[in-house]
């Protein structure tokens, strides 16, 4: 029946490549076998040029779609998370790519083992997610003058000393959960006093007590258990 799907229907959008050397036997295959189609000469002798034209048309369309998919340099939103950058060459090549993202507005760099992007400038970036990396200071972050939402959860930022670099930025939302600096005394008050435009810290809106000076005697009576 025409409405019934073939067993190989789920594979029709997959790309296949020719693997010349392998140790897999035919009876070990668990997927549809795809054989190479007739050559252009064979189609010509069969007088099936229409098939050839359709094939070329499909190839041109695929090339154009692939070009659009790989046009990451001019995209406004880009996800480069989970890149598994184990070798120094990979890290340097990754930074080379980041230097070319002059138009990106939303960028995800989650879990890339990044340690220092201070030489990178992202002039249009409004939202940056750099969770689960190895940053130890705000000075190691890229230059992001237009940043509005910054997420740095699960890094190793120990001090708030470099946070003043974002004082004149339009930063509205900041996430520093599961960083050592989160346990610093007067943590929220220091962050909000350093960033006057900040509205939300770690998912919690700015509270009245975040703006007032703390009672010094309160800290003498308080015991912090880490």
N, C-alpha and C. Protein backbone atom coordinates (compact mmCIF):
# COMPACT_ATOMS: atom_id res chain seq x y z
N UNK A 1 0.85 -1.19 0.00
CA UNK A 1 0.00 0.00 0.00
C UNK A 1 0.88 1.24 0.00
N UNK A 2 0.45 2.35 -0.64
CA UNK A 2 1.30 3.52 -0.76
C UNK A 2 1.57 4.23 0.56
N UNK A 3 0.67 4.08 1.55
CA UNK A 3 0.86 4.80 2.81
C UNK A 3 1.76 4.04 3.79
N UNK A 4 2.13 2.81 3.44
CA UNK A 4 3.01 2.05 4.31
C UNK A 4 4.46 2.44 4.05
N UNK A 5 5.22 2.61 5.12
CA UNK A 5 6.61 2.98 5.00
C UNK A 5 7.51 1.76 4.91
N UNK A 6 8.57 1.88 4.13
CA UNK A 6 9.54 0.80 4.03
C UNK A 6 10.39 0.74 5.29
N UNK A 7 11.01 -0.42 5.57
CA UNK A 7 11.87 -0.53 6.76
C UNK A 7 13.02 0.46 6.76
N UNK A 8 13.47 0.89 5.59
CA UNK A 8 14.60 1.81 5.52
C UNK A 8 14.17 3.27 5.50
N UNK A 9 12.88 3.55 5.73
CA UNK A 9 12.38 4.92 5.62
C UNK A 9 13.06 5.85 6.62
N UNK A 10 13.39 5.34 7.80
CA UNK A 10 14.02 6.19 8.82
C UNK A 10 15.44 6.59 8.47
N UNK A 11 16.02 5.96 7.45
CA UNK A 11 17.39 6.26 7.06
C UNK A 11 17.47 7.14 5.81
N UNK A 12 16.33 7.60 5.28
CA UNK A 12 16.36 8.27 3.99
C UNK A 12 17.03 9.63 4.03
N UNK A 13 17.14 10.24 5.20
CA UNK A 13 17.78 11.55 5.29
C UNK A 13 19.22 11.47 5.78
N UNK A 14 19.73 10.29 5.96
CA UNK A 14 21.10 10.12 6.42
C UNK A 14 22.08 10.19 5.26
N UNK A 15 23.27 10.71 5.55
CA UNK A 15 24.32 10.71 4.53
C UNK A 15 25.20 9.48 4.67
N UNK A 16 25.58 8.91 3.56
CA UNK A 16 26.37 7.69 3.56
C UNK A 16 27.72 7.95 2.92
N UNK A 17 28.69 7.23 3.35
CA UNK A 17 30.03 7.35 2.77
C UNK A 17 30.57 5.95 2.44
N UNK A 18 31.51 5.92 1.54
CA UNK A 18 32.09 4.66 1.08
C UNK A 18 33.27 4.30 1.96
N UNK A 19 33.17 3.19 2.69
CA UNK A 19 34.24 2.71 3.55
C UNK A 19 34.94 1.56 2.82
N UNK A 20 36.13 1.84 2.34
CA UNK A 20 36.81 0.85 1.49
C UNK A 20 37.38 -0.31 2.29
N UNK A 21 38.00 -0.02 3.41
CA UNK A 21 38.65 -1.07 4.20
C UNK A 21 37.91 -1.26 5.52
N UNK A 22 37.39 -2.45 5.72
CA UNK A 22 36.67 -2.75 6.95
C UNK A 22 36.65 -4.26 7.15
N UNK A 23 36.33 -4.67 8.36
CA UNK A 23 36.28 -6.10 8.67
C UNK A 23 34.88 -6.59 8.91
N UNK A 24 33.88 -5.88 8.42
CA UNK A 24 32.49 -6.24 8.64
C UNK A 24 31.98 -7.10 7.48
N UNK A 25 31.34 -8.21 7.81
CA UNK A 25 30.78 -9.09 6.80
C UNK A 25 29.32 -8.72 6.53
N UNK A 26 28.83 -9.19 5.39
CA UNK A 26 27.47 -8.86 5.00
C UNK A 26 26.43 -9.33 6.00
N UNK A 27 26.65 -10.51 6.60
CA UNK A 27 25.65 -11.02 7.54
C UNK A 27 25.72 -10.34 8.91
N UNK A 28 26.67 -9.41 9.06
CA UNK A 28 26.79 -8.67 10.32
C UNK A 28 26.14 -7.29 10.24
N UNK A 29 25.68 -6.91 9.06
CA UNK A 29 25.07 -5.59 8.89
C UNK A 29 23.71 -5.55 9.55
N UNK A 30 23.43 -4.46 10.23
CA UNK A 30 22.15 -4.27 10.89
C UNK A 30 21.46 -3.00 10.38
N UNK A 31 21.77 -2.59 9.17
CA UNK A 31 21.16 -1.40 8.59
C UNK A 31 21.02 -1.63 7.09
N UNK A 32 20.19 -0.84 6.42
CA UNK A 32 19.99 -1.06 4.97
C UNK A 32 21.30 -0.91 4.20
N UNK A 33 21.51 -1.77 3.23
CA UNK A 33 22.70 -1.69 2.39
C UNK A 33 22.43 -0.74 1.23
N UNK A 34 23.27 0.22 1.06
CA UNK A 34 23.10 1.22 0.01
C UNK A 34 24.18 1.00 -1.03
N UNK A 35 23.76 0.72 -2.24
CA UNK A 35 24.70 0.47 -3.33
C UNK A 35 24.81 1.71 -4.21
N UNK A 36 25.95 1.86 -4.82
CA UNK A 36 26.18 2.99 -5.70
C UNK A 36 25.28 2.88 -6.94
N UNK A 37 24.66 4.01 -7.33
CA UNK A 37 23.75 4.02 -8.45
C UNK A 37 24.48 3.99 -9.78
N UNK A 38 23.74 3.92 -10.89
CA UNK A 38 24.34 3.88 -12.23
C UNK A 38 25.16 5.15 -12.48
N UNK A 39 26.22 5.02 -13.26
CA UNK A 39 27.05 6.16 -13.61
C UNK A 39 26.33 7.04 -14.62
N UNK A 40 26.90 8.24 -14.88
CA UNK A 40 26.31 9.16 -15.84
C UNK A 40 26.30 8.55 -17.24
N UNK A 41 27.37 7.83 -17.59
CA UNK A 41 27.44 7.19 -18.91
C UNK A 41 26.36 6.13 -19.06
N UNK A 42 26.16 5.34 -18.01
CA UNK A 42 25.15 4.29 -18.07
C UNK A 42 23.75 4.88 -18.23
N UNK A 43 23.48 5.98 -17.52
CA UNK A 43 22.18 6.62 -17.66
C UNK A 43 21.99 7.21 -19.05
N UNK A 44 23.09 7.71 -19.63
CA UNK A 44 23.01 8.29 -20.98
C UNK A 44 22.66 7.21 -22.00
N UNK A 45 23.33 6.05 -21.91
CA UNK A 45 23.06 4.96 -22.85
C UNK A 45 21.66 4.38 -22.64
N UNK A 46 21.15 4.48 -21.43
CA UNK A 46 19.79 4.00 -21.17
C UNK A 46 18.73 5.01 -21.61
N UNK A 47 19.20 6.18 -22.03
CA UNK A 47 18.31 7.30 -22.37
C UNK A 47 17.46 7.70 -21.17
N UNK A 48 18.11 7.77 -20.03
CA UNK A 48 17.45 8.18 -18.79
C UNK A 48 18.10 9.47 -18.26
N UNK A 49 18.27 10.45 -19.19
CA UNK A 49 18.90 11.69 -18.79
C UNK A 49 18.09 12.44 -17.73
N UNK A 50 16.76 12.22 -17.72
CA UNK A 50 15.92 12.90 -16.74
C UNK A 50 16.32 12.50 -15.32
N UNK A 51 16.70 11.23 -15.14
CA UNK A 51 17.16 10.78 -13.83
C UNK A 51 18.44 11.49 -13.44
N UNK A 52 19.33 11.68 -14.41
CA UNK A 52 20.59 12.36 -14.15
C UNK A 52 20.36 13.82 -13.76
N UNK A 53 19.42 14.47 -14.47
CA UNK A 53 19.13 15.86 -14.14
C UNK A 53 18.56 15.99 -12.74
N UNK A 54 17.68 15.06 -12.36
CA UNK A 54 17.13 15.09 -11.01
C UNK A 54 18.22 14.87 -9.97
N UNK A 55 19.15 13.97 -10.29
CA UNK A 55 20.24 13.71 -9.34
C UNK A 55 21.09 14.96 -9.14
N UNK A 56 21.43 15.65 -10.27
CA UNK A 56 22.24 16.86 -10.16
C UNK A 56 21.50 17.96 -9.42
N UNK A 57 20.19 18.06 -9.67
CA UNK A 57 19.40 19.07 -8.99
C UNK A 57 19.38 18.81 -7.50
N UNK A 58 19.20 17.56 -7.12
CA UNK A 58 19.22 17.22 -5.70
C UNK A 58 20.57 17.49 -5.09
N UNK A 59 21.64 17.20 -5.83
CA UNK A 59 22.99 17.44 -5.31
C UNK A 59 23.23 18.93 -5.08
N UNK A 60 22.80 19.77 -6.02
CA UNK A 60 22.95 21.22 -5.86
C UNK A 60 22.17 21.72 -4.66
N UNK A 61 20.98 21.18 -4.47
CA UNK A 61 20.17 21.58 -3.32
C UNK A 61 20.83 21.18 -2.02
N UNK A 62 21.37 19.97 -1.97
CA UNK A 62 22.06 19.51 -0.77
C UNK A 62 23.28 20.37 -0.47
N UNK A 63 24.01 20.74 -1.52
CA UNK A 63 25.18 21.58 -1.31
C UNK A 63 24.79 22.93 -0.74
N UNK A 64 23.71 23.51 -1.25
CA UNK A 64 23.27 24.81 -0.76
C UNK A 64 22.79 24.71 0.68
N UNK A 65 22.03 23.66 1.02
CA UNK A 65 21.58 23.47 2.39
C UNK A 65 22.76 23.27 3.34
N UNK A 66 23.75 22.52 2.87
CA UNK A 66 24.94 22.29 3.69
C UNK A 66 25.71 23.58 3.92
N UNK A 67 25.76 24.42 2.86
CA UNK A 67 26.44 25.70 2.99
C UNK A 67 25.75 26.59 4.01
N UNK A 68 24.42 26.57 4.01
CA UNK A 68 23.68 27.36 4.99
C UNK A 68 23.90 26.84 6.39
N UNK A 69 23.96 25.51 6.55
CA UNK A 69 24.17 24.93 7.87
C UNK A 69 25.56 25.25 8.41
N UNK A 70 26.55 25.34 7.53
CA UNK A 70 27.91 25.57 7.96
C UNK A 70 28.29 27.05 7.98
N UNK A 71 27.31 27.92 7.77
CA UNK A 71 27.57 29.35 7.78
C UNK A 71 27.55 29.87 9.22
N UNK A 72 28.35 29.25 10.07
CA UNK A 72 28.37 29.58 11.49
C UNK A 72 29.03 30.93 11.75
N UNK A 73 29.85 31.37 10.84
CA UNK A 73 30.59 32.62 11.07
C UNK A 73 29.67 33.83 11.11
N UNK A 74 28.55 33.79 10.39
CA UNK A 74 27.63 34.92 10.32
C UNK A 74 26.35 34.69 11.11
N UNK A 75 26.27 33.61 11.87
CA UNK A 75 25.03 33.30 12.58
C UNK A 75 24.90 34.16 13.84
N UNK A 76 23.66 34.36 14.28
CA UNK A 76 23.38 35.14 15.48
C UNK A 76 23.32 34.26 16.72
N UNK A 77 22.98 32.99 16.56
CA UNK A 77 22.94 32.04 17.69
C UNK A 77 23.78 30.83 17.34
N UNK A 78 24.63 30.41 18.27
CA UNK A 78 25.56 29.32 17.99
C UNK A 78 25.82 28.51 19.25
N UNK A 79 25.74 27.20 19.11
CA UNK A 79 26.00 26.28 20.21
C UNK A 79 27.27 25.49 19.92
N UNK A 80 28.34 25.76 20.67
CA UNK A 80 29.61 25.05 20.51
C UNK A 80 29.96 24.30 21.80
N UNK A 81 28.96 23.74 22.43
CA UNK A 81 29.17 23.03 23.69
C UNK A 81 29.68 21.61 23.46
N UNK A 82 30.27 21.02 24.52
CA UNK A 82 30.68 19.62 24.54
C UNK A 82 31.62 19.27 23.38
N UNK A 83 32.65 20.08 23.18
CA UNK A 83 33.57 19.88 22.07
C UNK A 83 34.70 18.89 22.40
N UNK A 84 34.85 18.52 23.66
CA UNK A 84 35.88 17.54 24.04
C UNK A 84 37.27 17.99 23.56
N UNK A 85 37.68 19.18 24.02
CA UNK A 85 38.96 19.76 23.60
C UNK A 85 40.07 19.20 24.46
N UNK A 86 40.61 18.08 24.05
CA UNK A 86 41.63 17.41 24.85
C UNK A 86 43.05 17.81 24.50
N UNK A 87 43.29 18.18 23.25
CA UNK A 87 44.64 18.50 22.81
C UNK A 87 44.81 20.01 22.69
N UNK A 88 46.04 20.50 22.90
CA UNK A 88 46.32 21.93 22.81
C UNK A 88 45.99 22.47 21.42
N UNK A 89 46.24 21.68 20.39
CA UNK A 89 45.92 22.10 19.03
C UNK A 89 44.43 22.34 18.88
N UNK A 90 43.62 21.48 19.48
CA UNK A 90 42.17 21.64 19.40
C UNK A 90 41.73 22.92 20.10
N UNK A 91 42.34 23.22 21.24
CA UNK A 91 41.99 24.43 21.98
C UNK A 91 42.32 25.68 21.17
N UNK A 92 43.51 25.71 20.57
CA UNK A 92 43.91 26.87 19.78
C UNK A 92 43.03 27.03 18.54
N UNK A 93 42.68 25.93 17.92
CA UNK A 93 41.80 25.99 16.76
C UNK A 93 40.40 26.46 17.15
N UNK A 94 39.96 26.05 18.33
CA UNK A 94 38.66 26.49 18.85
C UNK A 94 38.67 28.00 19.10
N UNK A 95 39.76 28.51 19.65
CA UNK A 95 39.87 29.96 19.88
C UNK A 95 39.90 30.71 18.55
N UNK A 96 40.54 30.12 17.55
CA UNK A 96 40.58 30.75 16.23
C UNK A 96 39.17 30.92 15.68
N UNK A 97 38.33 29.92 15.91
CA UNK A 97 36.94 30.00 15.48
C UNK A 97 36.20 31.09 16.25
N UNK A 98 36.43 31.17 17.56
CA UNK A 98 35.74 32.16 18.37
C UNK A 98 36.10 33.58 17.95
N UNK A 99 37.32 33.78 17.51
CA UNK A 99 37.74 35.13 17.10
C UNK A 99 36.96 35.62 15.88
N UNK A 100 36.39 34.71 15.13
CA UNK A 100 35.67 35.08 13.91
C UNK A 100 34.18 35.28 14.14
N UNK A 101 33.73 35.09 15.38
CA UNK A 101 32.30 35.23 15.68
C UNK A 101 31.98 36.68 16.04
N UNK A 102 32.08 37.55 15.07
CA UNK A 102 31.87 38.97 15.33
C UNK A 102 30.40 39.36 15.29
N UNK A 103 29.53 38.44 14.85
CA UNK A 103 28.10 38.74 14.74
C UNK A 103 27.24 37.92 15.69
N UNK A 104 27.83 37.01 16.42
CA UNK A 104 27.04 36.14 17.28
C UNK A 104 26.45 36.94 18.45
N UNK A 105 25.17 36.65 18.76
CA UNK A 105 24.48 37.33 19.85
C UNK A 105 24.19 36.39 21.02
N UNK A 106 23.99 35.12 20.71
CA UNK A 106 23.78 34.11 21.75
C UNK A 106 24.77 32.97 21.52
N UNK A 107 25.56 32.66 22.54
CA UNK A 107 26.64 31.68 22.38
C UNK A 107 26.65 30.73 23.58
N UNK A 108 26.70 29.41 23.28
CA UNK A 108 26.78 28.39 24.32
C UNK A 108 28.14 27.70 24.21
N UNK A 109 28.88 27.69 25.33
CA UNK A 109 30.20 27.06 25.38
C UNK A 109 30.27 26.11 26.57
N UNK A 110 29.24 25.35 26.79
CA UNK A 110 29.13 24.51 27.98
C UNK A 110 30.08 23.31 27.91
N UNK A 111 30.76 23.05 29.02
CA UNK A 111 31.57 21.84 29.20
C UNK A 111 32.61 21.66 28.10
N UNK A 112 33.48 22.67 27.95
CA UNK A 112 34.56 22.60 26.97
C UNK A 112 35.95 22.65 27.61
N UNK A 113 36.02 22.58 28.93
CA UNK A 113 37.30 22.61 29.65
C UNK A 113 38.10 23.88 29.33
N UNK A 114 37.41 24.98 29.14
CA UNK A 114 38.06 26.24 28.81
C UNK A 114 38.66 26.88 30.06
N UNK A 115 39.83 27.50 29.90
CA UNK A 115 40.52 28.12 31.03
C UNK A 115 40.78 29.61 30.84
N UNK A 116 40.97 30.05 29.60
CA UNK A 116 41.31 31.44 29.37
C UNK A 116 40.87 31.87 27.97
N UNK A 117 39.92 32.79 27.93
CA UNK A 117 39.45 33.35 26.66
C UNK A 117 39.62 34.87 26.66
N UNK A 118 40.57 35.37 27.43
CA UNK A 118 40.74 36.82 27.58
C UNK A 118 41.15 37.50 26.27
N UNK A 119 41.71 36.74 25.33
CA UNK A 119 42.13 37.31 24.04
C UNK A 119 40.99 37.32 23.02
N UNK A 120 39.82 36.84 23.41
CA UNK A 120 38.67 36.77 22.50
C UNK A 120 37.76 37.96 22.73
N UNK A 121 37.25 38.52 21.65
CA UNK A 121 36.29 39.62 21.74
C UNK A 121 35.04 39.25 20.97
N UNK A 122 33.89 39.35 21.64
CA UNK A 122 32.59 39.06 21.04
C UNK A 122 31.75 40.33 21.12
N UNK A 123 31.88 41.20 20.13
CA UNK A 123 31.32 42.55 20.23
C UNK A 123 29.80 42.62 20.31
N UNK A 124 29.09 41.61 19.75
CA UNK A 124 27.62 41.66 19.75
C UNK A 124 26.97 40.66 20.69
N UNK A 125 27.76 39.93 21.43
CA UNK A 125 27.22 38.87 22.28
C UNK A 125 26.39 39.45 23.43
N UNK A 126 25.12 39.06 23.47
CA UNK A 126 24.22 39.51 24.53
C UNK A 126 23.96 38.41 25.56
N UNK A 127 24.17 37.16 25.15
CA UNK A 127 23.91 36.02 26.05
C UNK A 127 25.02 34.99 25.89
N UNK A 128 25.69 34.70 27.00
CA UNK A 128 26.80 33.74 26.98
C UNK A 128 26.60 32.72 28.08
N UNK A 129 26.62 31.44 27.69
CA UNK A 129 26.53 30.34 28.64
C UNK A 129 27.85 29.58 28.61
N UNK A 130 28.65 29.77 29.66
CA UNK A 130 29.95 29.12 29.77
C UNK A 130 30.00 28.23 31.01
N UNK A 131 28.91 27.55 31.29
CA UNK A 131 28.84 26.65 32.44
C UNK A 131 29.81 25.48 32.29
N UNK A 132 30.23 24.93 33.42
CA UNK A 132 31.02 23.69 33.47
C UNK A 132 32.32 23.80 32.69
N UNK A 133 33.05 24.87 32.93
CA UNK A 133 34.39 25.02 32.38
C UNK A 133 35.39 25.15 33.52
N UNK A 134 36.59 25.66 33.23
CA UNK A 134 37.64 25.73 34.26
C UNK A 134 38.11 27.16 34.50
N UNK A 135 37.23 28.13 34.35
CA UNK A 135 37.60 29.51 34.62
C UNK A 135 37.82 29.71 36.11
N UNK A 136 38.87 30.43 36.46
CA UNK A 136 39.17 30.71 37.87
C UNK A 136 39.03 32.18 38.21
N UNK A 137 38.83 33.03 37.19
CA UNK A 137 38.74 34.47 37.42
C UNK A 137 37.89 35.11 36.32
N UNK A 138 37.29 36.24 36.65
CA UNK A 138 36.52 36.98 35.65
C UNK A 138 37.44 37.56 34.58
N UNK A 139 38.71 37.72 34.89
CA UNK A 139 39.66 38.25 33.94
C UNK A 139 39.94 37.28 32.80
N UNK A 140 39.58 36.03 32.96
CA UNK A 140 39.82 35.02 31.92
C UNK A 140 38.66 34.93 30.92
N UNK A 141 37.61 35.70 31.13
CA UNK A 141 36.46 35.66 30.24
C UNK A 141 36.72 36.51 29.00
N UNK A 142 36.00 36.25 27.92
CA UNK A 142 36.18 37.07 26.70
C UNK A 142 35.66 38.48 26.90
N UNK A 143 36.02 39.37 26.00
CA UNK A 143 35.51 40.75 26.04
C UNK A 143 34.10 40.73 25.47
N UNK A 144 33.12 41.06 26.30
CA UNK A 144 31.71 41.01 25.90
C UNK A 144 31.02 42.31 26.34
N UNK A 145 31.27 43.40 25.64
CA UNK A 145 30.75 44.71 26.07
C UNK A 145 29.23 44.84 26.04
N UNK A 146 28.53 44.02 25.24
CA UNK A 146 27.08 44.12 25.13
C UNK A 146 26.35 43.02 25.91
N UNK A 147 27.05 42.35 26.81
CA UNK A 147 26.47 41.21 27.51
C UNK A 147 25.30 41.63 28.40
N UNK A 148 24.22 40.84 28.35
CA UNK A 148 23.05 41.05 29.19
C UNK A 148 22.78 39.88 30.11
N UNK A 149 23.08 38.66 29.63
CA UNK A 149 22.84 37.46 30.43
C UNK A 149 24.10 36.60 30.38
N UNK A 150 24.68 36.37 31.55
CA UNK A 150 25.95 35.64 31.64
C UNK A 150 25.80 34.50 32.65
N UNK A 151 26.11 33.29 32.20
CA UNK A 151 26.00 32.12 33.07
C UNK A 151 27.36 31.44 33.18
N UNK A 152 27.86 31.35 34.42
CA UNK A 152 29.18 30.76 34.69
C UNK A 152 29.10 29.70 35.77
N UNK A 153 28.00 29.00 35.85
CA UNK A 153 27.82 27.98 36.89
C UNK A 153 28.84 26.86 36.72
N UNK A 154 29.25 26.28 37.85
CA UNK A 154 30.14 25.12 37.90
C UNK A 154 31.48 25.39 37.22
N UNK A 155 32.06 26.55 37.54
CA UNK A 155 33.45 26.82 37.19
C UNK A 155 34.27 26.80 38.47
N UNK A 156 35.40 27.46 38.48
CA UNK A 156 36.25 27.47 39.68
C UNK A 156 36.65 28.91 40.02
N UNK A 157 35.70 29.83 39.90
CA UNK A 157 35.96 31.24 40.19
C UNK A 157 35.99 31.43 41.69
N UNK A 158 37.15 31.80 42.20
CA UNK A 158 37.36 31.87 43.65
C UNK A 158 37.17 33.27 44.22
N UNK A 159 37.31 34.31 43.39
CA UNK A 159 37.26 35.68 43.89
C UNK A 159 36.35 36.54 43.03
N UNK A 160 35.78 37.57 43.64
CA UNK A 160 34.93 38.52 42.94
C UNK A 160 35.70 39.78 42.53
N UNK A 161 37.00 39.74 42.63
CA UNK A 161 37.82 40.94 42.42
C UNK A 161 37.71 41.48 40.99
N UNK A 162 37.55 40.61 40.00
CA UNK A 162 37.51 41.07 38.62
C UNK A 162 36.12 41.36 38.08
N UNK A 163 35.12 41.29 38.95
CA UNK A 163 33.75 41.45 38.47
C UNK A 163 33.45 42.89 38.07
N UNK A 164 34.24 43.84 38.55
CA UNK A 164 34.01 45.26 38.24
C UNK A 164 34.22 45.55 36.76
N UNK A 165 34.84 44.62 36.01
CA UNK A 165 35.02 44.82 34.57
C UNK A 165 33.68 44.91 33.85
N UNK A 166 32.62 44.38 34.45
CA UNK A 166 31.29 44.41 33.84
C UNK A 166 30.43 45.56 34.40
N UNK A 167 31.04 46.47 35.12
CA UNK A 167 30.29 47.54 35.77
C UNK A 167 29.55 48.43 34.76
N UNK A 168 30.20 48.71 33.65
CA UNK A 168 29.61 49.61 32.66
C UNK A 168 28.92 48.84 31.51
N UNK A 169 28.72 47.56 31.70
CA UNK A 169 28.03 46.75 30.69
C UNK A 169 26.54 46.68 31.02
N UNK A 170 25.71 46.32 30.06
CA UNK A 170 24.26 46.21 30.33
C UNK A 170 23.87 44.89 30.98
N UNK A 171 24.77 44.28 31.75
CA UNK A 171 24.52 42.98 32.36
C UNK A 171 23.33 43.04 33.31
N UNK A 172 22.33 42.20 33.05
CA UNK A 172 21.11 42.16 33.87
C UNK A 172 21.00 40.88 34.68
N UNK A 173 21.52 39.79 34.15
CA UNK A 173 21.37 38.49 34.81
C UNK A 173 22.72 37.79 34.88
N UNK A 174 23.08 37.30 36.06
CA UNK A 174 24.37 36.63 36.28
C UNK A 174 24.14 35.37 37.10
N UNK A 175 24.76 34.27 36.66
CA UNK A 175 24.67 33.00 37.40
C UNK A 175 26.07 32.54 37.76
N UNK A 176 26.30 32.40 39.07
CA UNK A 176 27.60 31.96 39.58
C UNK A 176 27.45 30.75 40.51
N UNK A 177 26.41 30.01 40.34
CA UNK A 177 26.16 28.86 41.22
C UNK A 177 27.30 27.85 41.13
N UNK A 178 27.61 27.25 42.29
CA UNK A 178 28.62 26.19 42.40
C UNK A 178 30.00 26.68 41.95
N UNK A 179 30.30 27.93 42.33
CA UNK A 179 31.65 28.48 42.25
C UNK A 179 32.11 28.78 43.67
N UNK A 180 33.41 28.68 43.97
CA UNK A 180 33.88 28.98 45.33
C UNK A 180 33.52 30.39 45.80
N UNK A 181 33.44 31.35 44.88
CA UNK A 181 33.13 32.72 45.28
C UNK A 181 31.73 32.86 45.84
N UNK A 182 30.88 31.86 45.61
CA UNK A 182 29.51 31.90 46.12
C UNK A 182 29.48 31.89 47.64
N UNK A 183 30.55 31.38 48.28
CA UNK A 183 30.61 31.28 49.73
C UNK A 183 31.35 32.46 50.36
N UNK A 184 31.70 33.44 49.56
CA UNK A 184 32.38 34.61 50.09
C UNK A 184 31.42 35.44 50.94
N UNK A 185 31.93 36.01 52.01
CA UNK A 185 31.11 36.81 52.91
C UNK A 185 30.54 38.02 52.18
N UNK A 186 29.25 38.31 52.38
CA UNK A 186 28.54 39.41 51.73
C UNK A 186 28.55 39.22 50.21
N UNK A 187 28.44 38.00 49.79
CA UNK A 187 28.53 37.64 48.38
C UNK A 187 27.56 38.45 47.52
N UNK A 188 26.27 38.41 47.83
CA UNK A 188 25.28 39.08 47.00
C UNK A 188 25.43 40.60 47.07
N UNK A 189 25.76 41.12 48.21
CA UNK A 189 25.91 42.57 48.35
C UNK A 189 27.11 43.09 47.54
N UNK A 190 28.19 42.34 47.52
CA UNK A 190 29.36 42.75 46.75
C UNK A 190 29.05 42.74 45.26
N UNK A 191 28.36 41.68 44.81
CA UNK A 191 28.04 41.56 43.39
C UNK A 191 27.14 42.71 42.95
N UNK A 192 26.08 42.98 43.69
CA UNK A 192 25.13 44.02 43.28
C UNK A 192 25.73 45.42 43.40
N UNK A 193 26.61 45.64 44.37
CA UNK A 193 27.25 46.95 44.48
C UNK A 193 28.25 47.17 43.35
N UNK A 194 28.82 46.08 42.82
CA UNK A 194 29.78 46.19 41.72
C UNK A 194 29.09 46.32 40.37
N UNK A 195 27.86 45.81 40.28
CA UNK A 195 27.13 45.81 39.01
C UNK A 195 25.79 46.53 39.20
N UNK A 196 25.76 47.82 39.00
CA UNK A 196 24.53 48.60 39.27
C UNK A 196 23.36 48.24 38.36
N UNK A 197 23.62 47.69 37.18
CA UNK A 197 22.54 47.34 36.25
C UNK A 197 21.99 45.94 36.48
N UNK A 198 22.63 45.17 37.37
CA UNK A 198 22.23 43.78 37.59
C UNK A 198 20.87 43.70 38.26
N UNK A 199 20.01 42.82 37.74
CA UNK A 199 18.66 42.65 38.29
C UNK A 199 18.48 41.28 38.95
N UNK A 200 19.22 40.28 38.46
CA UNK A 200 19.05 38.91 38.98
C UNK A 200 20.40 38.26 39.19
N UNK A 201 20.57 37.60 40.31
CA UNK A 201 21.81 36.87 40.63
C UNK A 201 21.44 35.45 41.02
N UNK A 202 21.97 34.48 40.30
CA UNK A 202 21.72 33.06 40.56
C UNK A 202 20.23 32.74 40.53
N UNK A 203 19.51 33.41 39.64
CA UNK A 203 18.09 33.15 39.49
C UNK A 203 17.20 33.85 40.51
N UNK A 204 17.79 34.63 41.42
CA UNK A 204 17.02 35.33 42.45
C UNK A 204 17.06 36.83 42.18
N UNK A 205 15.91 37.49 42.08
CA UNK A 205 15.91 38.93 41.82
C UNK A 205 16.58 39.71 42.94
N UNK A 206 16.95 40.92 42.63
CA UNK A 206 17.60 41.81 43.59
C UNK A 206 16.66 42.12 44.75
N UNK A 207 17.11 41.88 45.97
CA UNK A 207 16.31 42.07 47.17
C UNK A 207 16.76 43.32 47.91
N UNK A 208 15.91 43.88 48.79
CA UNK A 208 16.31 45.08 49.54
C UNK A 208 17.57 44.87 50.37
N UNK A 209 17.70 43.69 50.98
CA UNK A 209 18.89 43.44 51.80
C UNK A 209 20.16 43.32 50.98
N UNK A 210 20.03 43.14 49.66
CA UNK A 210 21.22 43.09 48.80
C UNK A 210 21.82 44.47 48.58
N UNK A 211 21.08 45.51 48.92
CA UNK A 211 21.56 46.89 48.71
C UNK A 211 22.04 47.53 50.00
N UNK A 212 21.61 47.02 51.16
CA UNK A 212 21.95 47.63 52.43
C UNK A 212 23.22 47.05 52.99
N UNK A 213 23.90 47.84 53.82
CA UNK A 213 25.12 47.37 54.49
C UNK A 213 24.75 46.39 55.57
N UNK A 214 25.44 45.28 55.67
CA UNK A 214 25.09 44.27 56.68
C UNK A 214 25.49 44.70 58.07
N UNK A 215 24.79 44.16 59.05
CA UNK A 215 25.12 44.40 60.44
C UNK A 215 26.39 43.63 60.79
N UNK A 216 27.44 44.36 61.16
CA UNK A 216 28.73 43.72 61.43
C UNK A 216 28.62 42.72 62.56
N UNK A 217 27.83 43.05 63.61
CA UNK A 217 27.71 42.14 64.75
C UNK A 217 27.04 40.84 64.35
N UNK A 218 26.25 40.88 63.25
CA UNK A 218 25.57 39.67 62.79
C UNK A 218 26.57 38.62 62.36
N UNK A 219 27.64 39.03 61.70
CA UNK A 219 28.62 38.08 61.22
C UNK A 219 29.43 37.47 62.35
N UNK A 220 29.56 38.22 63.48
CA UNK A 220 30.27 37.65 64.62
C UNK A 220 29.44 36.55 65.27
N UNK A 221 28.13 36.65 65.15
CA UNK A 221 27.26 35.63 65.76
C UNK A 221 26.97 34.48 64.82
N UNK A 222 27.41 34.61 63.55
CA UNK A 222 27.06 33.62 62.55
C UNK A 222 28.19 32.61 62.39
N UNK A 223 27.82 31.36 62.24
CA UNK A 223 28.78 30.29 62.02
C UNK A 223 28.50 29.69 60.65
N UNK A 224 29.51 29.71 59.78
CA UNK A 224 29.36 29.17 58.44
C UNK A 224 30.00 27.81 58.36
N UNK A 225 29.24 26.80 57.91
CA UNK A 225 29.73 25.44 57.77
C UNK A 225 29.77 25.12 56.30
N UNK A 226 30.93 24.84 55.76
CA UNK A 226 31.10 24.53 54.34
C UNK A 226 31.22 23.02 54.15
